[in-house]
Full PDB file with SEQRES, HELIX, SHEET, SSBOND, CRYST1, ORIGX, SCALE, CONECT and MASTER records, all heavy atoms in Angstrom:
SEQRES   1 A   38  TRP GLU LYS LEU ILE SER HIS GLU LYS LYS ARG THR LEU          
SEQRES   2 A   38  LEU LYS LYS ALA TYR GLN ALA TYR THR GLU GLU HIS PRO          
SEQRES   3 A   38  THR PRO TRP LYS LYS LEU LEU ASN PRO ASP VAL PRO              
HELIX    1 AA1 GLU A    8  GLU A   24  1                                  17    
HELIX    2 AA2 TRP A   29  LEU A   32  1                                   4    
CRYST1    1.000    1.000    1.000  90.00  90.00  90.00 P 1           1          
ORIGX1      1.000000  0.000000  0.000000        0.00000                         
ORIGX2      0.000000  1.000000  0.000000        0.00000                         
ORIGX3      0.000000  0.000000  1.000000        0.00000                         
SCALE1      1.000000  0.000000  0.000000        0.00000                         
SCALE2      0.000000  1.000000  0.000000        0.00000                         
SCALE3      0.000000  0.000000  1.000000        0.00000                         
ATOM      1  N   TRP A   1      95.390 150.692 135.794  1.00  0.00           N  
ATOM      2  CA  TRP A   1      94.131 151.289 135.362  1.00  0.00           C  
ATOM      3  C   TRP A   1      93.093 151.323 136.471  1.00  0.00           C  
ATOM      4  O   TRP A   1      92.257 152.227 136.531  1.00  0.00           O  
ATOM      5  CB  TRP A   1      93.601 150.563 134.119  1.00  0.00           C  
ATOM      6  CG  TRP A   1      94.314 151.023 132.887  1.00  0.00           C  
ATOM      7  CD1 TRP A   1      95.366 150.419 132.255  1.00  0.00           C  
ATOM      8  CD2 TRP A   1      94.064 152.224 132.164  1.00  0.00           C  
ATOM      9  NE1 TRP A   1      95.795 151.159 131.194  1.00  0.00           N  
ATOM     10  CE2 TRP A   1      95.014 152.275 131.103  1.00  0.00           C  
ATOM     11  CE3 TRP A   1      93.149 153.261 132.301  1.00  0.00           C  
ATOM     12  CZ2 TRP A   1      95.051 153.331 130.197  1.00  0.00           C  
ATOM     13  CZ3 TRP A   1      93.184 154.307 131.386  1.00  0.00           C  
ATOM     14  CH2 TRP A   1      94.121 154.332 130.352  1.00  0.00           C  
ATOM     15  N   GLU A   2      93.151 150.361 137.367  1.00  0.00           N  
ATOM     16  CA  GLU A   2      92.247 150.378 138.518  1.00  0.00           C  
ATOM     17  C   GLU A   2      92.554 151.554 139.439  1.00  0.00           C  
ATOM     18  O   GLU A   2      91.665 152.152 140.043  1.00  0.00           O  
ATOM     19  CB  GLU A   2      92.349 149.060 139.286  1.00  0.00           C  
ATOM     20  CG  GLU A   2      91.691 147.893 138.562  1.00  0.00           C  
ATOM     21  CD  GLU A   2      91.929 146.572 139.260  1.00  0.00           C  
ATOM     22  OE1 GLU A   2      92.528 146.579 140.362  1.00  0.00           O  
ATOM     23  OE2 GLU A   2      91.513 145.527 138.729  1.00  0.00           O  
ATOM     24  N   LYS A   3      93.832 151.892 139.544  1.00  0.00           N  
ATOM     25  CA  LYS A   3      94.229 153.056 140.343  1.00  0.00           C  
ATOM     26  C   LYS A   3      93.782 154.359 139.683  1.00  0.00           C  
ATOM     27  O   LYS A   3      93.405 155.309 140.355  1.00  0.00           O  
ATOM     28  CB  LYS A   3      95.750 153.086 140.508  1.00  0.00           C  
ATOM     29  CG  LYS A   3      96.315 152.085 141.497  1.00  0.00           C  
ATOM     30  CD  LYS A   3      97.822 152.272 141.623  1.00  0.00           C  
ATOM     31  CE  LYS A   3      98.430 151.334 142.643  1.00  0.00           C  
ATOM     32  NZ  LYS A   3      99.899 151.529 142.787  1.00  0.00           N  
ATOM     33  N   LEU A   4      93.838 154.381 138.359  1.00  0.00           N  
ATOM     34  CA  LEU A   4      93.550 155.613 137.634  1.00  0.00           C  
ATOM     35  C   LEU A   4      92.063 155.918 137.517  1.00  0.00           C  
ATOM     36  O   LEU A   4      91.635 157.054 137.679  1.00  0.00           O  
ATOM     37  CB  LEU A   4      94.171 155.549 136.232  1.00  0.00           C  
ATOM     38  CG  LEU A   4      95.698 155.508 136.145  1.00  0.00           C  
ATOM     39  CD1 LEU A   4      96.147 155.285 134.710  1.00  0.00           C  
ATOM     40  CD2 LEU A   4      96.293 156.794 136.705  1.00  0.00           C  
ATOM     41  N   ILE A   5      91.285 154.865 137.206  1.00  0.00           N  
ATOM     42  CA  ILE A   5      89.847 155.049 136.963  1.00  0.00           C  
ATOM     43  C   ILE A   5      89.059 154.060 137.812  1.00  0.00           C  
ATOM     44  O   ILE A   5      89.127 152.840 137.606  1.00  0.00           O  
ATOM     45  CB  ILE A   5      89.491 154.828 135.469  1.00  0.00           C  
ATOM     46  CG1 ILE A   5      90.392 155.671 134.560  1.00  0.00           C  
ATOM     47  CG2 ILE A   5      88.015 155.130 135.227  1.00  0.00           C  
ATOM     48  CD1 ILE A   5      90.211 157.164 134.713  1.00  0.00           C  
ATOM     49  N   SER A   6      88.294 154.557 138.759  1.00  0.00           N  
ATOM     50  CA  SER A   6      87.548 153.676 139.671  1.00  0.00           C  
ATOM     51  C   SER A   6      86.292 153.081 139.037  1.00  0.00           C  
ATOM     52  O   SER A   6      85.912 151.952 139.345  1.00  0.00           O  
ATOM     53  CB  SER A   6      87.166 154.443 140.944  1.00  0.00           C  
ATOM     54  OG  SER A   6      86.375 155.581 140.617  1.00  0.00           O  
ATOM     55  N   HIS A   7      85.656 153.833 138.124  1.00  0.00           N  
ATOM     56  CA  HIS A   7      84.422 153.361 137.491  1.00  0.00           C  
ATOM     57  C   HIS A   7      84.752 152.320 136.425  1.00  0.00           C  
ATOM     58  O   HIS A   7      85.464 152.598 135.460  1.00  0.00           O  
ATOM     59  CB  HIS A   7      83.682 154.542 136.853  1.00  0.00           C  
ATOM     60  CG  HIS A   7      82.293 154.216 136.403  1.00  0.00           C  
ATOM     61  ND1 HIS A   7      82.032 153.586 135.208  1.00  0.00           N  
ATOM     62  CD2 HIS A   7      81.085 154.411 137.006  1.00  0.00           C  
ATOM     63  CE1 HIS A   7      80.722 153.434 135.073  1.00  0.00           C  
ATOM     64  NE2 HIS A   7      80.118 153.917 136.153  1.00  0.00           N  
ATOM     65  N   GLU A   8      84.255 151.107 136.603  1.00  0.00           N  
ATOM     66  CA  GLU A   8      84.654 149.989 135.743  1.00  0.00           C  
ATOM     67  C   GLU A   8      84.333 150.194 134.264  1.00  0.00           C  
ATOM     68  O   GLU A   8      85.184 149.958 133.400  1.00  0.00           O  
ATOM     69  CB  GLU A   8      83.997 148.694 136.235  1.00  0.00           C  
ATOM     70  CG  GLU A   8      84.461 147.462 135.474  1.00  0.00           C  
ATOM     71  CD  GLU A   8      83.884 146.169 136.028  1.00  0.00           C  
ATOM     72  OE1 GLU A   8      83.157 146.232 137.041  1.00  0.00           O  
ATOM     73  OE2 GLU A   8      84.151 145.110 135.433  1.00  0.00           O  
ATOM     74  N   LYS A   9      83.120 150.625 133.954  1.00  0.00           N  
ATOM     75  CA  LYS A   9      82.738 150.790 132.553  1.00  0.00           C  
ATOM     76  C   LYS A   9      83.564 151.881 131.885  1.00  0.00           C  
ATOM     77  O   LYS A   9      84.056 151.707 130.756  1.00  0.00           O  
ATOM     78  CB  LYS A   9      81.246 151.138 132.457  1.00  0.00           C  
ATOM     79  CG  LYS A   9      80.735 151.190 131.020  1.00  0.00           C  
ATOM     80  CD  LYS A   9      79.229 151.426 130.980  1.00  0.00           C  
ATOM     81  CE  LYS A   9      78.736 151.460 129.535  1.00  0.00           C  
ATOM     82  NZ  LYS A   9      77.257 151.674 129.475  1.00  0.00           N  
ATOM     83  N   LYS A  10      83.749 152.984 132.588  1.00  0.00           N  
ATOM     84  CA  LYS A  10      84.547 154.087 132.053  1.00  0.00           C  
ATOM     85  C   LYS A  10      85.994 153.643 131.876  1.00  0.00           C  
ATOM     86  O   LYS A  10      86.641 153.981 130.874  1.00  0.00           O  
ATOM     87  CB  LYS A  10      84.470 155.280 133.002  1.00  0.00           C  
ATOM     88  CG  LYS A  10      85.140 156.541 132.461  1.00  0.00           C  
ATOM     89  CD  LYS A  10      84.910 157.709 133.412  1.00  0.00           C  
ATOM     90  CE  LYS A  10      85.487 158.999 132.825  1.00  0.00           C  
ATOM     91  NZ  LYS A  10      85.251 160.153 133.754  1.00  0.00           N  
ATOM     92  N   ARG A  11      86.496 152.872 132.836  1.00  0.00           N  
ATOM     93  CA  ARG A  11      87.872 152.372 132.767  1.00  0.00           C  
ATOM     94  C   ARG A  11      88.071 151.483 131.547  1.00  0.00           C  
ATOM     95  O   ARG A  11      89.072 151.600 130.835  1.00  0.00           O  
ATOM     96  CB  ARG A  11      88.215 151.599 134.039  1.00  0.00           C  
ATOM     97  CG  ARG A  11      89.634 151.046 134.052  1.00  0.00           C  
ATOM     98  CD  ARG A  11      89.990 150.472 135.412  1.00  0.00           C  
ATOM     99  NE  ARG A  11      89.227 149.308 135.771  1.00  0.00           N  
ATOM    100  CZ  ARG A  11      88.397 149.227 136.812  1.00  0.00           C  
ATOM    101  NH1 ARG A  11      88.210 150.275 137.605  1.00  0.00           N  
ATOM    102  NH2 ARG A  11      87.752 148.107 137.082  1.00  0.00           N  
ATOM    103  N   THR A  12      87.109 150.616 131.281  1.00  0.00           N  
ATOM    104  CA  THR A  12      87.192 149.696 130.145  1.00  0.00           C  
ATOM    105  C   THR A  12      87.254 150.455 128.824  1.00  0.00           C  
ATOM    106  O   THR A  12      88.066 150.137 127.945  1.00  0.00           O  
ATOM    107  CB  THR A  12      85.994 148.740 130.135  1.00  0.00           C  
ATOM    108  OG1 THR A  12      85.985 147.993 131.355  1.00  0.00           O  
ATOM    109  CG2 THR A  12      86.069 147.777 128.958  1.00  0.00           C  
ATOM    110  N   LEU A  13      86.415 151.482 128.684  1.00  0.00           N  
ATOM    111  CA  LEU A  13      86.373 152.270 127.454  1.00  0.00           C  
ATOM    112  C   LEU A  13      87.663 153.066 127.256  1.00  0.00           C  
ATOM    113  O   LEU A  13      88.234 153.088 126.155  1.00  0.00           O  
ATOM    114  CB  LEU A  13      85.176 153.221 127.491  1.00  0.00           C  
ATOM    115  CG  LEU A  13      83.788 152.563 127.417  1.00  0.00           C  
ATOM    116  CD1 LEU A  13      82.696 153.601 127.644  1.00  0.00           C  
ATOM    117  CD2 LEU A  13      83.592 151.880 126.071  1.00  0.00           C  
ATOM    118  N   LEU A  14      88.134 153.679 128.319  1.00  0.00           N  
ATOM    119  CA  LEU A  14      89.351 154.483 128.220  1.00  0.00           C  
ATOM    120  C   LEU A  14      90.575 153.610 127.950  1.00  0.00           C  
ATOM    121  O   LEU A  14      91.456 153.975 127.163  1.00  0.00           O  
ATOM    122  CB  LEU A  14      89.561 155.278 129.510  1.00  0.00           C  
ATOM    123  CG  LEU A  14      88.658 156.503 129.694  1.00  0.00           C  
ATOM    124  CD1 LEU A  14      88.780 157.040 131.111  1.00  0.00           C  
ATOM    125  CD2 LEU A  14      89.023 157.586 128.687  1.00  0.00           C  
ATOM    126  N   LYS A  15      90.630 152.464 128.598  1.00  0.00           N  
ATOM    127  CA  LYS A  15      91.758 151.557 128.406  1.00  0.00           C  
ATOM    128  C   LYS A  15      91.806 151.042 126.969  1.00  0.00           C  
ATOM    129  O   LYS A  15      92.885 150.944 126.368  1.00  0.00           O  
ATOM    130  CB  LYS A  15      91.647 150.390 129.388  1.00  0.00           C  
ATOM    131  CG  LYS A  15      92.827 149.433 129.343  1.00  0.00           C  
ATOM    132  CD  LYS A  15      92.664 148.316 130.363  1.00  0.00           C  
ATOM    133  CE  LYS A  15      93.823 147.330 130.274  1.00  0.00           C  
ATOM    134  NZ  LYS A  15      93.656 146.213 131.232  1.00  0.00           N  
ATOM    135  N   LYS A  16      90.639 150.747 126.400  1.00  0.00           N  
ATOM    136  CA  LYS A  16      90.576 150.254 125.029  1.00  0.00           C  
ATOM    137  C   LYS A  16      91.056 151.331 124.054  1.00  0.00           C  
ATOM    138  O   LYS A  16      91.840 151.047 123.135  1.00  0.00           O  
ATOM    139  CB  LYS A  16      89.143 149.824 124.693  1.00  0.00           C  
ATOM    140  CG  LYS A  16      88.996 149.218 123.312  1.00  0.00           C  
ATOM    141  CD  LYS A  16      87.562 148.752 123.069  1.00  0.00           C  
ATOM    142  CE  LYS A  16      87.430 148.120 121.692  1.00  0.00           C  
ATOM    143  NZ  LYS A  16      86.029 147.655 121.441  1.00  0.00           N  
ATOM    144  N   ALA A  17      90.611 152.552 124.260  1.00  0.00           N  
ATOM    145  CA  ALA A  17      91.004 153.655 123.374  1.00  0.00           C  
ATOM    146  C   ALA A  17      92.478 154.009 123.549  1.00  0.00           C  
ATOM    147  O   ALA A  17      93.119 154.535 122.628  1.00  0.00           O  
ATOM    148  CB  ALA A  17      90.132 154.875 123.652  1.00  0.00           C  
ATOM    149  N   TYR A  18      93.027 153.706 124.709  1.00  0.00           N  
ATOM    150  CA  TYR A  18      94.433 154.021 124.992  1.00  0.00           C  
ATOM    151  C   TYR A  18      95.387 153.225 124.100  1.00  0.00           C  
ATOM    152  O   TYR A  18      96.498 153.669 123.821  1.00  0.00           O  
ATOM    153  CB  TYR A  18      94.729 153.745 126.468  1.00  0.00           C  
ATOM    154  CG  TYR A  18      96.132 154.114 126.906  1.00  0.00           C  
ATOM    155  CD1 TYR A  18      96.541 155.448 126.916  1.00  0.00           C  
ATOM    156  CD2 TYR A  18      97.034 153.139 127.318  1.00  0.00           C  
ATOM    157  CE1 TYR A  18      97.829 155.796 127.321  1.00  0.00           C  
ATOM    158  CE2 TYR A  18      98.322 153.478 127.733  1.00  0.00           C  
ATOM    159  CZ  TYR A  18      98.705 154.809 127.733  1.00  0.00           C  
ATOM    160  OH  TYR A  18      99.982 155.137 128.137  1.00  0.00           O  
ATOM    161  N   GLN A  19      94.939 152.068 123.645  1.00  0.00           N  
ATOM    162  CA  GLN A  19      95.785 151.256 122.765  1.00  0.00           C  
ATOM    163  C   GLN A  19      96.134 152.008 121.488  1.00  0.00           C  
ATOM    164  O   GLN A  19      97.282 151.998 121.027  1.00  0.00           O  
ATOM    165  CB  GLN A  19      95.077 149.935 122.429  1.00  0.00           C  
ATOM    166  CG  GLN A  19      94.798 149.053 123.631  1.00  0.00           C  
ATOM    167  CD  GLN A  19      96.046 148.754 124.436  1.00  0.00           C  
ATOM    168  OE1 GLN A  19      97.089 148.390 123.889  1.00  0.00           O  
ATOM    169  NE2 GLN A  19      95.964 148.922 125.743  1.00  0.00           N  
ATOM    170  N   ALA A  20      95.135 152.680 120.922  1.00  0.00           N  
ATOM    171  CA  ALA A  20      95.375 153.473 119.710  1.00  0.00           C  
ATOM    172  C   ALA A  20      96.283 154.654 120.023  1.00  0.00           C  
ATOM    173  O   ALA A  20      97.155 155.026 119.221  1.00  0.00           O  
ATOM    174  CB  ALA A  20      94.054 153.962 119.126  1.00  0.00           C  
ATOM    175  N   TYR A  21      96.109 155.234 121.203  1.00  0.00           N  
ATOM    176  CA  TYR A  21      96.927 156.380 121.617  1.00  0.00           C  
ATOM    177  C   TYR A  21      98.396 155.978 121.739  1.00  0.00           C  
ATOM    178  O   TYR A  21      99.287 156.732 121.353  1.00  0.00           O  
ATOM    179  CB  TYR A  21      96.401 156.916 122.952  1.00  0.00           C  
ATOM    180  CG  TYR A  21      97.055 158.197 123.405  1.00  0.00           C  
ATOM    181  CD1 TYR A  21      96.597 159.433 122.951  1.00  0.00           C  
ATOM    182  CD2 TYR A  21      98.119 158.185 124.305  1.00  0.00           C  
ATOM    183  CE1 TYR A  21      97.188 160.620 123.368  1.00  0.00           C  
ATOM    184  CE2 TYR A  21      98.720 159.360 124.732  1.00  0.00           C  
ATOM    185  CZ  TYR A  21      98.248 160.577 124.270  1.00  0.00           C  
ATOM    186  OH  TYR A  21      98.844 161.747 124.684  1.00  0.00           O  
ATOM    187  N   THR A  22      98.649 154.785 122.270  1.00  0.00           N  
ATOM    188  CA  THR A  22     100.039 154.326 122.420  1.00  0.00           C  
ATOM    189  C   THR A  22     100.686 154.078 121.054  1.00  0.00           C  
ATOM    190  O   THR A  22     101.898 154.241 120.902  1.00  0.00           O  
ATOM    191  CB  THR A  22     100.129 153.045 123.260  1.00  0.00           C  
ATOM    192  OG1 THR A  22      99.371 151.998 122.632  1.00  0.00           O  
ATOM    193  CG2 THR A  22      99.612 153.280 124.661  1.00  0.00           C  
ATOM    194  N   GLU A  23      99.887 153.691 120.076  1.00  0.00           N  
ATOM    195  CA  GLU A  23     100.424 153.500 118.730  1.00  0.00           C  
ATOM    196  C   GLU A  23     100.806 154.841 118.103  1.00  0.00           C  
ATOM    197  O   GLU A  23     101.757 154.928 117.331  1.00  0.00           O  
ATOM    198  CB  GLU A  23      99.397 152.765 117.864  1.00  0.00           C  
ATOM    199  CG  GLU A  23      99.174 151.314 118.293  1.00  0.00           C  
ATOM    200  CD  GLU A  23      98.096 150.627 117.479  1.00  0.00           C  
ATOM    201  OE1 GLU A  23      97.608 151.240 116.504  1.00  0.00           O  
ATOM    202  OE2 GLU A  23      97.733 149.481 117.821  1.00  0.00           O  
ATOM    203  N   GLU A  24     100.046 155.874 118.451  1.00  0.00           N  
ATOM    204  CA  GLU A  24     100.336 157.221 117.957  1.00  0.00           C  
ATOM    205  C   GLU A  24     101.505 157.845 118.717  1.00  0.00           C  
ATOM    206  O   GLU A  24     102.188 158.745 118.209  1.00  0.00           O  
ATOM    207  CB  GLU A  24      99.101 158.108 118.113  1.00  0.00           C  
ATOM    208  CG  GLU A  24      97.911 157.666 117.259  1.00  0.00           C  
ATOM    209  CD  GLU A  24      96.633 158.407 117.634  1.00  0.00           C  
ATOM    210  OE1 GLU A  24      96.700 159.289 118.524  1.00  0.00           O  
ATOM    211  OE2 GLU A  24      95.580 158.100 117.063  1.00  0.00           O  
ATOM    212  N   HIS A  25     101.722 157.364 119.946  1.00  0.00           N  
ATOM    213  CA  HIS A  25     102.808 157.870 120.798  1.00  0.00           C  
ATOM    214  C   HIS A  25     103.623 156.667 121.292  1.00  0.00           C  
ATOM    215  O   HIS A  25     103.587 156.307 122.468  1.00  0.00           O  
ATOM    216  CB  HIS A  25     102.247 158.653 121.989  1.00  0.00           C  
ATOM    217  CG  HIS A  25     101.365 159.795 121.599  1.00  0.00           C  
ATOM    218  ND1 HIS A  25     100.033 159.617 121.248  1.00  0.00           N  
ATOM    219  CD2 HIS A  25     101.624 161.126 121.484  1.00  0.00           C  
ATOM    220  CE1 HIS A  25      99.510 160.802 120.955  1.00  0.00           C  
ATOM    221  NE2 HIS A  25     100.452 161.732 121.093  1.00  0.00           N  
ATOM    222  N   PRO A  26     104.375 156.019 120.396  1.00  0.00           N  
ATOM    223  CA  PRO A  26     105.101 154.787 120.740  1.00  0.00           C  
ATOM    224  C   PRO A  26     106.228 155.013 121.746  1.00  0.00           C  
ATOM    225  O   PRO A  26     106.761 156.120 121.874  1.00  0.00           O  
ATOM    226  CB  PRO A  26     105.654 154.326 119.389  1.00  0.00           C  
ATOM    227  CG  PRO A  26     105.779 155.589 118.593  1.00  0.00           C  
ATOM    228  CD  PRO A  26     104.609 156.437 119.000  1.00  0.00           C  
ATOM    229  N   THR A  27     106.572 153.955 122.442  1.00  0.00           N  
ATOM    230  CA  THR A  27     107.667 154.008 123.413  1.00  0.00           C  
ATOM    231  C   THR A  27     108.998 154.175 122.683  1.00  0.00           C  
ATOM    232  O   THR A  27     109.332 153.373 121.808  1.00  0.00           O  
ATOM    233  CB  THR A  27     107.706 152.706 124.240  1.00  0.00           C  
ATOM    234  OG1 THR A  27     106.412 152.476 124.805  1.00  0.00           O  
ATOM    235  CG2 THR A  27     108.749 152.818 125.352  1.00  0.00           C  
ATOM    236  N   PRO A  28     109.789 155.191 123.016  1.00  0.00           N  
ATOM    237  CA  PRO A  28     111.092 155.400 122.363  1.00  0.00           C  
ATOM    238  C   PRO A  28     112.155 154.496 122.992  1.00  0.00           C  
ATOM    239  O   PRO A  28     112.990 154.938 123.783  1.00  0.00           O  
ATOM    240  CB  PRO A  28     111.369 156.879 122.632  1.00  0.00           C  
ATOM    241  CG  PRO A  28     110.709 157.150 123.947  1.00  0.00           C  
ATOM    242  CD  PRO A  28     109.469 156.279 123.958  1.00  0.00           C  
ATOM    243  N   TRP A  29     112.112 153.227 122.630  1.00  0.00           N  
ATOM    244  CA  TRP A  29     112.947 152.226 123.289  1.00  0.00           C  
ATOM    245  C   TRP A  29     114.435 152.552 123.265  1.00  0.00           C  
ATOM    246  O   TRP A  29     115.135 152.390 124.273  1.00  0.00           O  
ATOM    247  CB  TRP A  29     112.715 150.860 122.655  1.00  0.00           C  
ATOM    248  CG  TRP A  29     111.357 150.301 122.902  1.00  0.00           C  
ATOM    249  CD1 TRP A  29     110.374 150.072 121.980  1.00  0.00           C  
ATOM    250  CD2 TRP A  29     110.813 149.892 124.167  1.00  0.00           C  
ATOM    251  NE1 TRP A  29     109.248 149.562 122.582  1.00  0.00           N  
ATOM    252  CE2 TRP A  29     109.486 149.430 123.924  1.00  0.00           C  
ATOM    253  CE3 TRP A  29     111.300 149.872 125.474  1.00  0.00           C  
ATOM    254  CZ2 TRP A  29     108.666 148.955 124.938  1.00  0.00           C  
ATOM    255  CZ3 TRP A  29     110.479 149.402 126.489  1.00  0.00           C  
ATOM    256  CH2 TRP A  29     109.182 148.954 126.218  1.00  0.00           C  
ATOM    257  N   LYS A  30     114.930 152.992 122.144  1.00  0.00           N  
ATOM    258  CA  LYS A  30     116.371 153.255 122.034  1.00  0.00           C  
ATOM    259  C   LYS A  30     116.805 154.383 122.964  1.00  0.00           C  
ATOM    260  O   LYS A  30     117.910 154.366 123.526  1.00  0.00           O  
ATOM    261  CB  LYS A  30     116.751 153.565 120.585  1.00  0.00           C  
ATOM    262  CG  LYS A  30     116.594 152.366 119.657  1.00  0.00           C  
ATOM    263  CD  LYS A  30     117.163 152.641 118.283  1.00  0.00           C  
ATOM    264  CE  LYS A  30     116.934 151.467 117.340  1.00  0.00           C  
ATOM    265  NZ  LYS A  30     117.599 150.234 117.833  1.00  0.00           N  
ATOM    266  N   LYS A  31     115.938 155.360 123.146  1.00  0.00           N  
ATOM    267  CA  LYS A  31     116.228 156.482 124.031  1.00  0.00           C  
ATOM    268  C   LYS A  31     116.173 156.056 125.496  1.00  0.00           C  
ATOM    269  O   LYS A  31     116.953 156.551 126.327  1.00  0.00           O  
ATOM    270  CB  LYS A  31     115.227 157.613 123.772  1.00  0.00           C  
ATOM    271  CG  LYS A  31     115.432 158.835 124.647  1.00  0.00           C  
ATOM    272  CD  LYS A  31     114.385 159.899 124.338  1.00  0.00           C  
ATOM    273  CE  LYS A  31     114.554 161.116 125.243  1.00  0.00           C  
ATOM    274  NZ  LYS A  31     113.514 162.156 124.959  1.00  0.00           N  
ATOM    275  N   LEU A  32     115.273 155.144 125.816  1.00  0.00           N  
ATOM    276  CA  LEU A  32     115.055 154.739 127.208  1.00  0.00           C  
ATOM    277  C   LEU A  32     115.860 153.514 127.627  1.00  0.00           C  
ATOM    278  O   LEU A  32     115.871 153.143 128.800  1.00  0.00           O  
ATOM    279  CB  LEU A  32     113.560 154.453 127.428  1.00  0.00           C  
ATOM    280  CG  LEU A  32     112.610 155.628 127.146  1.00  0.00           C  
ATOM    281  CD1 LEU A  32     111.164 155.186 127.323  1.00  0.00           C  
ATOM    282  CD2 LEU A  32     112.919 156.810 128.057  1.00  0.00           C  
ATOM    283  N   LEU A  33     116.548 152.892 126.682  1.00  0.00           N  
ATOM    284  CA  LEU A  33     117.340 151.702 126.978  1.00  0.00           C  
ATOM    285  C   LEU A  33     118.405 151.980 128.033  1.00  0.00           C  
ATOM    286  O   LEU A  33     119.125 152.977 127.955  1.00  0.00           O  
ATOM    287  CB  LEU A  33     118.020 151.210 125.695  1.00  0.00           C  
ATOM    288  CG  LEU A  33     119.036 150.061 125.836  1.00  0.00           C  
ATOM    289  CD1 LEU A  33     118.327 148.768 126.191  1.00  0.00           C  
ATOM    290  CD2 LEU A  33     119.842 149.913 124.556  1.00  0.00           C  
ATOM    291  N   ASN A  34     118.502 151.099 129.018  1.00  0.00           N  
ATOM    292  CA  ASN A  34     119.609 151.170 129.966  1.00  0.00           C  
ATOM    293  C   ASN A  34     120.885 150.865 129.170  1.00  0.00           C  
ATOM    294  O   ASN A  34     121.023 149.774 128.610  1.00  0.00           O  
ATOM    295  CB  ASN A  34     119.411 150.133 131.071  1.00  0.00           C  
ATOM    296  CG  ASN A  34     120.497 150.168 132.130  1.00  0.00           C  
ATOM    297  OD1 ASN A  34     121.636 150.534 131.865  1.00  0.00           O  
ATOM    298  ND2 ASN A  34     120.159 149.751 133.343  1.00  0.00           N  
ATOM    299  N   PRO A  35     121.838 151.789 129.112  1.00  0.00           N  
ATOM    300  CA  PRO A  35     123.027 151.589 128.264  1.00  0.00           C  
ATOM    301  C   PRO A  35     123.900 150.407 128.680  1.00  0.00           C  
ATOM    302  O   PRO A  35     124.746 149.967 127.896  1.00  0.00           O  
ATOM    303  CB  PRO A  35     123.787 152.917 128.401  1.00  0.00           C  
ATOM    304  CG  PRO A  35     123.305 153.502 129.698  1.00  0.00           C  
ATOM    305  CD  PRO A  35     121.863 153.099 129.795  1.00  0.00           C  
ATOM    306  N   ASP A  36     123.693 149.894 129.885  1.00  0.00           N  
ATOM    307  CA  ASP A  36     124.486 148.756 130.361  1.00  0.00           C  
ATOM    308  C   ASP A  36     123.953 147.408 129.873  1.00  0.00           C  
ATOM    309  O   ASP A  36     124.595 146.378 130.081  1.00  0.00           O  
ATOM    310  CB  ASP A  36     124.513 148.727 131.893  1.00  0.00           C  
ATOM    311  CG  ASP A  36     125.340 149.863 132.482  1.00  0.00           C  
ATOM    312  OD1 ASP A  36     126.193 150.403 131.757  1.00  0.00           O  
ATOM    313  OD2 ASP A  36     125.126 150.202 133.656  1.00  0.00           O  
ATOM    314  N   VAL A  37     122.790 147.412 129.235  1.00  0.00           N  
ATOM    315  CA  VAL A  37     122.163 146.154 128.832  1.00  0.00           C  
ATOM    316  C   VAL A  37     123.021 145.324 127.876  1.00  0.00           C  
ATOM    317  O   VAL A  37     123.270 144.137 128.141  1.00  0.00           O  
ATOM    318  CB  VAL A  37     120.761 146.404 128.218  1.00  0.00           C  
ATOM    319  CG1 VAL A  37     120.234 145.147 127.526  1.00  0.00           C  
ATOM    320  CG2 VAL A  37     119.787 146.824 129.313  1.00  0.00           C  
ATOM    321  N   PRO A  38     123.492 145.858 126.760  1.00  0.00           N  
ATOM    322  CA  PRO A  38     124.262 145.022 125.812  1.00  0.00           C  
ATOM    323  C   PRO A  38     125.473 144.347 126.449  1.00  0.00           C  
ATOM    324  O   PRO A  38     125.692 143.142 126.266  1.00  0.00           O  
ATOM    325  CB  PRO A  38     124.671 146.020 124.722  1.00  0.00           C  
ATOM    326  CG  PRO A  38     123.641 147.091 124.784  1.00  0.00           C  
ATOM    327  CD  PRO A  38     123.310 147.236 126.235  1.00  0.00           C  
TER     328      PRO A  38                                                      
MASTER        0    0    0    2    0    0    0    6  327    1    0    3          
END                                                                             
């Protein structure tokens, strides 16, 4: 986030709101799993 947004206050607000965004766009773990893991 420091790389993405240099302004600290703006970065804090965007990062906080991003949590809700990730819940709306969850990580597709099964699709991204390295098949060699099991």
